[in-house]
Amino acid sequence: MSERGPDWAAWVDRLPRLATDLMAEWGLRRDGWSMHGYASLVVPALTEDDESVVLKVTFDGDDESEHEALALRHWDGRGAVRMIRADPSRRAMLLERLHATDLRDVWDIEACEVVAGLWPLLHVPALPQLRPVTAYVERWIAGLQRLPGNGPVPRRLVQQATSLAADLVADPDSTRCVIHGDLHYYNVLASDREPWLAIDPKPMNGDPHYEVAPMLWNRSEEWVGDVRGGIRRRFHALVDAGGLDEDRARDWVVVREVLGAHWAAELGDTEATTTAVTVAKAVQD
């Protein structure tokens, strides 16, 4: 806990009382084991009317999910989990309860088509309250300049990603709509209301083409025997089903994968670094 800083440790200390207070204030009864993500607690519950819901409380120091409630309210259940109520000051939301089934066991090409089918519902016109993805990318790309020439990420790819990022950041189309920001196999759940719905957005004003990369780097263990072919099949399934521009999607994948390789290298995660570099190379002719 301590390695994530004093703010995180203080939030963890507050969390039991915070969750208990919210359960009482919102008239909820616990209905199963609590779950957690990287920066949130999720408590299955029943309302006073016996509606199945979940209480979600997110770490208030996580800026990427700061406007999750705003995006969910704007989507209003279209393509995403429905939010019933929220307390932004405590980073708490009451959400409809979905099933525990995600896309990890669905054939990867079919899963790509499911995710691409959600994009048109989620990619609504930009909201003024959201941060632009370009602001994040500018900051992240600056870190690439610190990479040594003989580092684990090939210098050619670093230079390519830096150049592509500069062009994408300067393009007004890079911030034209709301994007989920982290849509992949594990952030799509089955439901009774719709076959599949997105959860856990990291909403930004961005570019639909930015959404492709997470579907490529996850489930990398399935590439055995045909790594390049497996990556490219996913890439083209996403581009085709999502009606995306292939070149622009490829540019964003290269930028995001090189950034991912850089972060993994800083953490000493050799496997993740190799995966990211492999994806960046495979999507290019």
Protein backbone atom coordinates (compact mmCIF):
# COMPACT_ATOMS: atom_id res chain seq x y z
CA MET A 1 0.00 0.00 0.00
CA SER A 2 2.73 2.48 1.00
CA GLU A 3 4.46 2.34 -2.40
CA ARG A 4 1.40 4.02 -3.97
CA GLY A 5 1.83 7.07 -1.78
CA PRO A 6 0.30 8.66 1.32
CA ASP A 7 -2.86 9.83 -0.47
CA TRP A 8 -3.65 6.26 -1.49
CA ALA A 9 -2.94 4.94 2.00
CA ALA A 10 -5.17 7.60 3.55
CA TRP A 11 -8.00 6.77 1.14
CA VAL A 12 -7.74 3.05 1.95
CA ASP A 13 -7.97 3.93 5.63
CA ARG A 14 -11.11 6.01 5.00
CA LEU A 15 -12.71 3.50 2.67
CA PRO A 16 -14.52 1.18 5.14
CA ARG A 17 -16.29 4.09 6.84
CA LEU A 18 -16.99 5.77 3.51
CA ALA A 19 -18.60 2.64 2.06
CA THR A 20 -20.59 2.02 5.25
CA ASP A 21 -21.91 5.60 5.26
CA LEU A 22 -22.94 5.42 1.60
CA MET A 23 -24.70 2.09 2.09
CA ALA A 24 -26.72 3.59 4.94
CA GLU A 25 -27.48 6.90 3.21
CA TRP A 26 -28.61 5.23 0.01
CA GLY A 27 -30.65 2.54 1.75
CA LEU A 28 -28.56 -0.37 0.53
CA ARG A 29 -28.10 -3.90 1.85
CA ARG A 30 -24.98 -5.89 1.03
CA ASP A 31 -25.69 -8.73 -1.40
CA GLY A 32 -22.43 -10.58 -1.98
CA TRP A 33 -18.68 -10.30 -1.68
CA SER A 34 -17.03 -6.98 -2.36
CA MET A 35 -14.71 -6.69 -5.36
CA HIS A 36 -12.00 -4.24 -6.27
CA GLY A 37 -10.17 -2.93 -9.28
CA TYR A 38 -6.85 -1.11 -9.42
CA ALA A 39 -8.33 2.03 -7.85
CA SER A 40 -11.90 1.27 -6.78
CA LEU A 41 -14.14 -0.79 -4.50
CA VAL A 42 -17.33 -2.41 -5.79
CA VAL A 43 -19.98 -3.68 -3.37
CA PRO A 44 -22.96 -5.76 -4.66
CA ALA A 45 -26.12 -4.54 -2.96
CA LEU A 46 -29.90 -4.46 -2.95
CA THR A 47 -31.95 -1.29 -2.78
CA GLU A 48 -34.98 -0.83 -0.54
CA ASP A 49 -37.04 -2.02 -3.52
CA ASP A 50 -34.84 -5.13 -3.89
CA GLU A 51 -33.22 -3.86 -7.09
CA SER A 52 -29.82 -5.48 -7.74
CA VAL A 53 -27.16 -2.77 -7.89
CA VAL A 54 -23.50 -2.17 -7.11
CA LEU A 55 -21.94 0.61 -5.09
CA LYS A 56 -18.68 1.79 -6.64
CA VAL A 57 -16.24 4.02 -4.77
CA THR A 58 -13.14 5.21 -6.63
CA PHE A 59 -9.84 6.56 -5.33
CA ASP A 60 -10.15 10.34 -5.33
CA GLY A 61 -6.56 10.74 -6.50
CA ASP A 62 -7.16 8.92 -9.80
CA ASP A 63 -7.54 11.75 -12.31
CA GLU A 64 -8.23 9.44 -15.28
CA SER A 65 -11.56 8.33 -13.76
CA GLU A 66 -12.45 11.71 -12.27
CA HIS A 67 -15.31 12.25 -14.74
CA GLU A 68 -16.60 8.68 -14.89
CA ALA A 69 -19.96 9.70 -13.44
CA LEU A 70 -20.29 12.55 -15.93
CA ALA A 71 -19.76 10.24 -18.88
CA LEU A 72 -22.09 7.55 -17.54
CA ARG A 73 -24.81 10.13 -16.94
CA HIS A 74 -24.38 11.44 -20.49
CA TRP A 75 -24.48 7.95 -22.03
CA ASP A 76 -27.53 7.10 -19.86
CA GLY A 77 -27.15 3.36 -20.35
CA ARG A 78 -26.53 3.51 -24.11
CA GLY A 79 -23.60 1.15 -24.65
CA ALA A 80 -22.52 1.38 -21.03
CA VAL A 81 -23.65 0.40 -17.55
CA ARG A 82 -26.47 2.63 -16.32
CA MET A 83 -25.75 4.95 -13.42
CA ILE A 84 -28.61 5.35 -10.94
CA ARG A 85 -27.13 8.05 -8.74
CA ALA A 86 -23.78 9.58 -7.87
CA ASP A 87 -21.95 11.61 -5.27
CA PRO A 88 -19.03 13.16 -7.18
CA SER A 89 -17.57 14.75 -4.06
CA ARG A 90 -16.98 11.27 -2.62
CA ARG A 91 -16.30 9.65 -6.02
CA ALA A 92 -19.22 7.27 -5.39
CA MET A 93 -21.74 5.85 -7.84
CA LEU A 94 -24.70 3.52 -7.67
CA LEU A 95 -24.81 1.40 -10.81
CA GLU A 96 -27.08 -1.23 -12.28
CA ARG A 97 -25.70 -4.69 -11.60
CA LEU A 98 -24.41 -6.57 -14.62
CA HIS A 99 -23.34 -10.19 -14.91
CA ALA A 100 -19.83 -11.30 -14.02
CA THR A 101 -19.27 -12.60 -17.58
CA ASP A 102 -16.83 -10.52 -19.64
CA LEU A 103 -15.29 -11.02 -23.08
CA ARG A 104 -12.16 -12.87 -22.03
CA ASP A 105 -13.56 -16.27 -23.07
CA VAL A 106 -15.18 -15.02 -26.28
CA TRP A 107 -13.30 -15.75 -29.54
CA ASP A 108 -11.05 -12.73 -29.92
CA ILE A 109 -12.34 -11.70 -33.35
CA GLU A 110 -15.94 -11.90 -32.15
CA ALA A 111 -14.94 -9.91 -29.06
CA CYS A 112 -13.37 -7.26 -31.29
CA GLU A 113 -16.64 -6.96 -33.19
CA VAL A 114 -18.59 -6.63 -29.93
CA VAL A 115 -16.34 -3.80 -28.72
CA ALA A 116 -16.41 -2.04 -32.09
CA GLY A 117 -20.21 -2.29 -31.97
CA LEU A 118 -20.25 -0.30 -28.72
CA TRP A 119 -18.10 2.54 -30.08
CA PRO A 120 -20.87 4.37 -32.01
CA LEU A 121 -22.97 4.50 -28.84
CA LEU A 122 -20.14 5.82 -26.68
CA HIS A 123 -18.47 8.21 -29.11
CA VAL A 124 -20.86 11.11 -28.62
CA PRO A 125 -19.83 14.76 -29.25
CA ALA A 126 -17.12 16.09 -26.95
CA LEU A 127 -18.07 17.41 -23.51
CA PRO A 128 -16.46 20.64 -22.27
CA GLN A 129 -15.76 19.22 -18.80
CA LEU A 130 -13.53 16.41 -20.06
CA ARG A 131 -9.79 16.61 -20.53
CA PRO A 132 -8.53 16.19 -24.10
CA VAL A 133 -6.55 13.04 -24.81
CA THR A 134 -4.01 15.25 -26.55
CA ALA A 135 -3.04 16.82 -23.21
CA TYR A 136 -2.18 13.38 -21.85
CA VAL A 137 -0.32 12.35 -25.01
CA GLU A 138 1.81 15.50 -25.04
CA ARG A 139 2.92 14.82 -21.48
CA TRP A 140 3.51 11.13 -22.08
CA ILE A 141 5.49 11.65 -25.28
CA ALA A 142 7.85 14.01 -23.46
CA GLY A 143 8.91 11.01 -21.38
CA LEU A 144 10.00 9.15 -24.49
CA GLN A 145 12.80 11.64 -25.00
CA ARG A 146 14.48 10.29 -21.87
CA LEU A 147 14.88 6.81 -23.35
CA PRO A 148 18.50 5.85 -24.07
CA GLY A 149 19.40 5.10 -27.64
CA ASN A 150 20.27 1.52 -26.71
CA GLY A 151 17.20 0.98 -24.52
CA PRO A 152 14.68 -1.89 -24.77
CA VAL A 153 12.38 0.11 -27.07
CA PRO A 154 13.92 0.39 -30.56
CA ARG A 155 15.00 3.96 -31.31
CA ARG A 156 13.31 3.82 -34.71
CA LEU A 157 9.95 3.14 -33.06
CA VAL A 158 10.47 5.91 -30.50
CA GLN A 159 11.20 8.42 -33.25
CA GLN A 160 8.23 7.21 -35.29
CA ALA A 161 5.85 7.43 -32.32
CA THR A 162 7.11 10.91 -31.42
CA SER A 163 6.51 12.16 -34.96
CA LEU A 164 3.07 10.55 -35.25
CA ALA A 165 2.03 11.88 -31.85
CA ALA A 166 2.97 15.44 -32.82
CA ASP A 167 0.73 15.21 -35.90
CA LEU A 168 -2.16 13.65 -33.97
CA VAL A 169 -1.97 16.18 -31.13
CA ALA A 170 -2.14 19.04 -33.65
CA ASP A 171 -5.21 17.58 -35.41
CA PRO A 172 -8.59 18.93 -34.18
CA ASP A 173 -10.17 15.54 -34.99
CA SER A 174 -8.15 14.05 -32.12
CA THR A 175 -10.54 15.61 -29.59
CA ARG A 176 -13.87 15.59 -31.41
CA CYS A 177 -15.82 13.08 -29.30
CA VAL A 178 -16.06 11.39 -25.94
CA ILE A 179 -14.06 8.17 -25.79
CA HIS A 180 -14.11 5.40 -23.21
CA GLY A 181 -10.33 5.40 -22.90
CA ASP A 182 -9.87 1.85 -21.60
CA LEU A 183 -12.24 -0.41 -23.51
CA HIS A 184 -11.05 -4.00 -23.69
CA TYR A 185 -12.16 -7.58 -23.03
CA TYR A 186 -12.41 -7.19 -19.24
CA ASN A 187 -14.30 -3.88 -19.29
CA VAL A 188 -17.30 -5.24 -21.17
CA LEU A 189 -19.87 -7.26 -19.22
CA ALA A 190 -22.96 -9.23 -20.17
CA SER A 191 -26.33 -7.92 -19.02
CA ASP A 192 -30.02 -8.69 -19.22
CA ARG A 193 -30.80 -5.29 -20.71
CA GLU A 194 -28.33 -5.56 -23.61
CA PRO A 195 -26.04 -8.41 -24.65
CA TRP A 196 -22.91 -6.43 -23.67
CA LEU A 197 -22.24 -3.14 -21.91
CA ALA A 198 -19.06 -1.18 -21.18
CA ILE A 199 -17.87 -0.47 -17.64
CA ASP A 200 -15.03 1.47 -15.97
CA PRO A 201 -14.53 4.30 -18.47
CA LYS A 202 -11.59 6.66 -18.27
CA PRO A 203 -13.45 9.29 -20.28
CA MET A 204 -11.69 11.92 -22.34
CA ASN A 205 -12.40 14.00 -25.39
CA GLY A 206 -10.53 12.11 -28.02
CA ASP A 207 -10.41 10.18 -31.26
CA PRO A 208 -12.31 6.91 -31.89
CA HIS A 209 -9.11 5.49 -33.39
CA TYR A 210 -7.42 5.82 -29.99
CA GLU A 211 -9.63 2.99 -28.68
CA VAL A 212 -8.10 0.19 -30.81
CA ALA A 213 -4.84 -0.54 -28.96
CA PRO A 214 -6.11 -2.19 -25.72
CA MET A 215 -7.83 -4.92 -27.73
CA LEU A 216 -4.47 -5.81 -29.27
CA TRP A 217 -2.19 -5.95 -26.24
CA ASN A 218 -4.58 -7.91 -24.00
CA ARG A 219 -4.84 -11.72 -24.32
CA SER A 220 -1.41 -11.82 -25.94
CA GLU A 221 -0.97 -15.45 -24.85
CA GLU A 222 -3.30 -16.42 -27.68
CA TRP A 223 -0.85 -15.38 -30.38
CA VAL A 224 1.26 -18.54 -30.04
CA GLY A 225 2.19 -19.90 -33.46
CA ASP A 226 1.14 -16.84 -35.49
CA VAL A 227 1.94 -13.68 -33.58
CA ARG A 228 1.90 -11.20 -36.45
CA GLY A 229 -1.15 -12.79 -38.06
CA GLY A 230 -3.10 -12.89 -34.81
CA ILE A 231 -2.45 -9.21 -34.07
CA ARG A 232 -3.31 -8.12 -37.59
CA ARG A 233 -6.55 -10.12 -37.64
CA ARG A 234 -7.71 -8.33 -34.51
CA PHE A 235 -6.60 -4.98 -35.87
CA HIS A 236 -8.50 -5.40 -39.13
CA ALA A 237 -11.58 -6.77 -37.36
CA LEU A 238 -11.70 -3.64 -35.19
CA VAL A 239 -11.09 -1.28 -38.10
CA ASP A 240 -13.70 -2.95 -40.31
CA ALA A 241 -16.40 -3.39 -37.66
CA GLY A 242 -15.83 0.12 -36.31
CA GLY A 243 -15.74 1.82 -39.70
CA LEU A 244 -12.36 3.36 -38.88
CA ASP A 245 -9.65 4.76 -41.11
CA GLU A 246 -6.96 2.09 -41.21
CA ASP A 247 -3.99 4.46 -41.40
CA ARG A 248 -5.18 6.65 -38.53
CA ALA A 249 -5.95 3.61 -36.38
CA ARG A 250 -2.47 2.25 -37.10
CA ASP A 251 -0.86 5.57 -36.15
CA TRP A 252 -2.63 5.62 -32.78
CA VAL A 253 -1.71 1.99 -32.13
CA VAL A 254 1.97 2.72 -32.76
CA VAL A 255 1.88 5.74 -30.45
CA ARG A 256 0.07 3.91 -27.66
CA GLU A 257 2.15 0.74 -27.90
CA VAL A 258 5.45 2.60 -27.85
CA LEU A 259 4.25 4.56 -24.82
CA GLY A 260 3.21 1.28 -23.21
CA ALA A 261 6.60 -0.24 -23.94
CA HIS A 262 8.30 2.79 -22.37
CA TRP A 263 6.24 2.54 -19.17
CA ALA A 264 6.77 -1.22 -18.94
CA ALA A 265 10.52 -0.77 -19.41
CA GLU A 266 10.60 1.80 -16.60
CA LEU A 267 8.91 -0.77 -14.35
CA GLY A 268 11.33 -3.50 -15.42
CA ASP A 269 8.51 -5.56 -16.98
CA THR A 270 10.35 -7.22 -19.85
CA GLU A 271 7.37 -9.29 -21.00
CA ALA A 272 5.04 -6.30 -21.27
CA THR A 273 7.74 -4.29 -23.05
CA THR A 274 8.21 -7.06 -25.61
CA THR A 275 4.46 -7.41 -26.13
CA ALA A 276 4.01 -3.68 -26.80
CA VAL A 277 6.92 -3.53 -29.24
CA THR A 278 5.62 -6.66 -31.00
CA VAL A 279 2.17 -5.09 -31.51
CA ALA A 280 3.65 -1.81 -32.77
CA LYS A 281 5.67 -3.69 -35.37
CA ALA A 282 2.94 -6.14 -36.37
CA VAL A 283 0.32 -3.55 -37.39
CA GLN A 284 2.74 -2.01 -39.87
CA ASP A 285 3.35 -3.37 -43.33
